[in-house]
C-alpha cells in the first residue's frame, strides 16, 4: 500500500524500496507458516502414531495440516 502510494506520487525509488521490504516480509511470513505447519504436523502425527489412533474400521489414519488460505487455488479437499 505504501509502495503504491509512493509510486503514484512519483517517488519511484521509495516505491521500489518499500516493495522490496514488503516482499521480504512476505517471504519471512511464508517461511514461518511453513515451519509452524511442519511442527504441528509432526506433533500431531507423532502422538497419533504412538497411541495407535485408528478409524472405526480399525485402519490407522494420518492428520495433515495444510497451509491453505481462503483464497488459495492450489489446495484440494482430501
N, C-alpha and C. Protein backbone atom coordinates (compact mmCIF):
# COMPACT_ATOMS: atom_id res chain seq x y z
N UNK A 1 0.82 -1.18 0.00
CA UNK A 1 0.00 0.00 0.00
C UNK A 1 0.87 1.25 0.00
N UNK A 2 1.87 1.29 0.88
CA UNK A 2 2.75 2.45 0.92
C UNK A 2 3.59 2.53 -0.35
N UNK A 3 4.00 1.38 -0.86
CA UNK A 3 4.79 1.37 -2.09
C UNK A 3 3.96 1.91 -3.25
N UNK A 4 2.70 1.53 -3.30
CA UNK A 4 1.80 2.01 -4.35
C UNK A 4 1.62 3.52 -4.24
N UNK A 5 1.42 3.99 -3.03
CA UNK A 5 1.25 5.44 -2.83
C UNK A 5 2.50 6.20 -3.23
N UNK A 6 3.67 5.68 -2.87
CA UNK A 6 4.93 6.33 -3.25
C UNK A 6 5.07 6.37 -4.77
N UNK A 7 4.70 5.30 -5.43
CA UNK A 7 4.78 5.24 -6.90
C UNK A 7 3.83 6.26 -7.53
N UNK A 8 2.61 6.33 -6.98
CA UNK A 8 1.61 7.22 -7.56
C UNK A 8 1.97 8.69 -7.43
N UNK A 9 2.73 9.04 -6.39
CA UNK A 9 3.16 10.45 -6.25
C UNK A 9 4.48 10.70 -6.95
N UNK A 10 5.02 9.68 -7.63
CA UNK A 10 6.21 9.86 -8.44
C UNK A 10 7.52 9.50 -7.76
N UNK A 11 7.49 9.00 -6.54
CA UNK A 11 8.72 8.64 -5.84
C UNK A 11 9.03 7.16 -6.09
N UNK A 12 9.56 6.89 -7.28
CA UNK A 12 9.77 5.51 -7.70
C UNK A 12 10.86 4.81 -6.90
N UNK A 13 11.86 5.54 -6.45
CA UNK A 13 12.93 4.93 -5.65
C UNK A 13 12.38 4.43 -4.32
N UNK A 14 11.57 5.26 -3.67
CA UNK A 14 10.96 4.85 -2.41
C UNK A 14 9.99 3.70 -2.64
N UNK A 15 9.25 3.76 -3.73
CA UNK A 15 8.30 2.68 -4.06
C UNK A 15 9.06 1.36 -4.24
N UNK A 16 10.19 1.40 -4.90
CA UNK A 16 11.00 0.20 -5.11
C UNK A 16 11.50 -0.35 -3.77
N UNK A 17 11.98 0.55 -2.91
CA UNK A 17 12.48 0.13 -1.60
C UNK A 17 11.35 -0.48 -0.75
N UNK A 18 10.21 0.18 -0.71
CA UNK A 18 9.09 -0.32 0.09
C UNK A 18 8.56 -1.64 -0.47
N UNK A 19 8.53 -1.76 -1.79
CA UNK A 19 8.10 -3.01 -2.41
C UNK A 19 9.02 -4.16 -2.04
N UNK A 20 10.32 -3.90 -2.05
CA UNK A 20 11.30 -4.94 -1.70
C UNK A 20 11.14 -5.35 -0.23
N UNK A 21 10.92 -4.36 0.64
CA UNK A 21 10.70 -4.67 2.06
C UNK A 21 9.44 -5.50 2.24
N UNK A 22 8.40 -5.14 1.52
CA UNK A 22 7.14 -5.90 1.60
C UNK A 22 7.31 -7.34 1.15
N UNK A 23 8.03 -7.54 0.05
CA UNK A 23 8.28 -8.90 -0.43
C UNK A 23 9.12 -9.70 0.55
N UNK A 24 10.10 -9.02 1.17
CA UNK A 24 10.95 -9.69 2.17
C UNK A 24 10.11 -10.15 3.37
N UNK A 25 9.25 -9.27 3.87
CA UNK A 25 8.39 -9.63 5.00
C UNK A 25 7.42 -10.74 4.61
N UNK A 26 6.92 -10.72 3.39
CA UNK A 26 6.03 -11.77 2.91
C UNK A 26 6.76 -13.11 2.89
N UNK A 27 8.00 -13.12 2.41
CA UNK A 27 8.79 -14.35 2.38
C UNK A 27 9.04 -14.88 3.78
N UNK A 28 9.35 -13.96 4.73
CA UNK A 28 9.57 -14.38 6.11
C UNK A 28 8.29 -14.98 6.71
N UNK A 29 7.15 -14.37 6.42
CA UNK A 29 5.87 -14.86 6.92
C UNK A 29 5.59 -16.26 6.36
N UNK A 30 5.82 -16.45 5.08
CA UNK A 30 5.58 -17.76 4.47
C UNK A 30 6.49 -18.82 5.08
N UNK A 31 7.74 -18.47 5.35
CA UNK A 31 8.66 -19.41 5.97
C UNK A 31 8.20 -19.76 7.39
N UNK A 32 7.73 -18.77 8.14
CA UNK A 32 7.24 -19.02 9.50
C UNK A 32 6.00 -19.91 9.47
N UNK A 33 5.11 -19.67 8.52
CA UNK A 33 3.91 -20.51 8.39
C UNK A 33 4.29 -21.95 8.03
N UNK A 34 5.26 -22.10 7.14
CA UNK A 34 5.69 -23.44 6.75
C UNK A 34 6.31 -24.18 7.95
N UNK A 35 7.12 -23.47 8.73
CA UNK A 35 7.74 -24.08 9.91
C UNK A 35 6.68 -24.47 10.93
N UNK A 36 5.70 -23.59 11.14
CA UNK A 36 4.63 -23.90 12.09
C UNK A 36 3.81 -25.09 11.60
N UNK A 37 3.51 -25.12 10.32
CA UNK A 37 2.74 -26.22 9.75
C UNK A 37 3.48 -27.55 9.92
N UNK A 38 4.77 -27.55 9.65
CA UNK A 38 5.57 -28.76 9.80
C UNK A 38 5.61 -29.20 11.26
N UNK A 39 5.77 -28.24 12.17
CA UNK A 39 5.80 -28.56 13.59
C UNK A 39 4.49 -29.17 14.06
N UNK A 40 3.38 -28.58 13.65
CA UNK A 40 2.06 -29.09 14.02
C UNK A 40 1.87 -30.49 13.43
N UNK A 41 2.25 -30.67 12.18
CA UNK A 41 2.14 -31.97 11.53
C UNK A 41 2.91 -33.03 12.31
N UNK A 42 4.16 -32.71 12.66
CA UNK A 42 5.00 -33.67 13.38
C UNK A 42 4.42 -33.99 14.76
N UNK A 43 3.96 -32.97 15.47
CA UNK A 43 3.40 -33.20 16.80
C UNK A 43 2.15 -34.06 16.75
N UNK A 44 1.26 -33.75 15.85
CA UNK A 44 0.00 -34.49 15.76
C UNK A 44 0.22 -35.92 15.30
N UNK A 45 1.09 -36.11 14.33
CA UNK A 45 1.27 -37.45 13.78
C UNK A 45 2.18 -38.31 14.63
N UNK A 46 3.09 -37.73 15.36
CA UNK A 46 3.91 -38.50 16.30
C UNK A 46 3.02 -39.02 17.42
N UNK A 47 2.17 -38.14 17.94
CA UNK A 47 1.26 -38.53 19.01
C UNK A 47 0.30 -39.61 18.51
N UNK A 48 -0.24 -39.45 17.31
CA UNK A 48 -1.19 -40.42 16.76
C UNK A 48 -0.53 -41.76 16.50
N UNK A 49 0.68 -41.74 15.98
CA UNK A 49 1.36 -43.00 15.69
C UNK A 49 1.67 -43.75 16.98
N UNK A 50 2.05 -43.01 18.02
CA UNK A 50 2.42 -43.69 19.26
C UNK A 50 1.21 -44.20 20.02
N UNK A 51 0.05 -43.59 19.81
CA UNK A 51 -1.14 -44.06 20.54
C UNK A 51 -2.02 -44.95 19.66
N UNK A 52 -1.55 -45.28 18.47
CA UNK A 52 -2.25 -46.19 17.55
C UNK A 52 -3.69 -45.75 17.31
N UNK A 53 -3.85 -44.52 16.88
CA UNK A 53 -5.18 -44.00 16.57
C UNK A 53 -5.67 -44.62 15.27
N UNK A 54 -6.93 -45.02 15.25
CA UNK A 54 -7.49 -45.62 14.04
C UNK A 54 -8.93 -45.18 13.87
N UNK A 55 -9.45 -45.38 12.68
CA UNK A 55 -10.85 -45.04 12.42
C UNK A 55 -11.75 -46.18 12.88
N UNK A 56 -13.04 -46.06 12.61
CA UNK A 56 -13.97 -47.07 13.12
C UNK A 56 -13.77 -48.45 12.49
N UNK A 57 -13.07 -48.50 11.35
CA UNK A 57 -12.78 -49.80 10.72
C UNK A 57 -11.46 -50.40 11.21
N UNK A 58 -10.78 -49.69 12.11
CA UNK A 58 -9.52 -50.18 12.63
C UNK A 58 -8.31 -49.79 11.81
N UNK A 59 -8.51 -49.04 10.71
CA UNK A 59 -7.39 -48.63 9.87
C UNK A 59 -6.75 -47.38 10.46
N UNK A 60 -5.42 -47.34 10.52
CA UNK A 60 -4.75 -46.14 11.04
C UNK A 60 -4.98 -44.97 10.09
N UNK A 61 -4.94 -43.75 10.64
CA UNK A 61 -5.09 -42.58 9.79
C UNK A 61 -4.07 -41.54 10.17
N UNK A 62 -3.92 -40.56 9.31
CA UNK A 62 -2.91 -39.53 9.45
C UNK A 62 -3.60 -38.17 9.42
N UNK A 63 -3.25 -37.29 10.35
CA UNK A 63 -3.77 -35.93 10.34
C UNK A 63 -2.79 -35.08 9.54
N UNK A 64 -3.29 -34.31 8.59
CA UNK A 64 -2.45 -33.48 7.75
C UNK A 64 -2.81 -32.02 7.96
N UNK A 65 -1.82 -31.19 8.27
CA UNK A 65 -2.02 -29.75 8.41
C UNK A 65 -1.55 -29.10 7.12
N UNK A 66 -2.45 -28.38 6.45
CA UNK A 66 -2.11 -27.73 5.19
C UNK A 66 -2.18 -26.23 5.36
N UNK A 67 -1.28 -25.53 4.70
CA UNK A 67 -1.24 -24.08 4.75
C UNK A 67 -2.01 -23.55 3.55
N UNK A 68 -3.34 -23.51 3.67
CA UNK A 68 -4.20 -23.06 2.57
C UNK A 68 -5.07 -21.91 3.05
N UNK A 69 -4.88 -20.77 2.48
CA UNK A 69 -5.72 -19.64 2.82
C UNK A 69 -7.08 -19.76 2.15
N UNK A 70 -7.96 -18.89 2.53
CA UNK A 70 -9.32 -18.91 2.00
C UNK A 70 -9.33 -18.78 0.48
N UNK A 71 -8.44 -17.95 -0.04
CA UNK A 71 -8.46 -17.67 -1.48
C UNK A 71 -7.47 -18.53 -2.27
N UNK A 72 -6.91 -19.54 -1.66
CA UNK A 72 -5.92 -20.37 -2.35
C UNK A 72 -6.59 -21.21 -3.42
N UNK A 73 -5.99 -21.23 -4.59
CA UNK A 73 -6.49 -22.01 -5.71
C UNK A 73 -5.77 -23.35 -5.80
N UNK A 74 -4.71 -23.55 -4.98
CA UNK A 74 -3.85 -24.71 -5.12
C UNK A 74 -4.14 -25.85 -4.16
N UNK A 75 -5.05 -25.66 -3.23
CA UNK A 75 -5.34 -26.69 -2.25
C UNK A 75 -6.58 -27.47 -2.65
N UNK A 76 -6.52 -28.75 -2.44
CA UNK A 76 -7.65 -29.61 -2.75
C UNK A 76 -8.20 -30.17 -1.46
N UNK A 77 -9.48 -30.45 -1.45
CA UNK A 77 -10.08 -31.10 -0.29
C UNK A 77 -9.68 -32.57 -0.32
N UNK A 78 -9.36 -33.11 0.85
CA UNK A 78 -8.98 -34.52 0.94
C UNK A 78 -10.17 -35.38 1.19
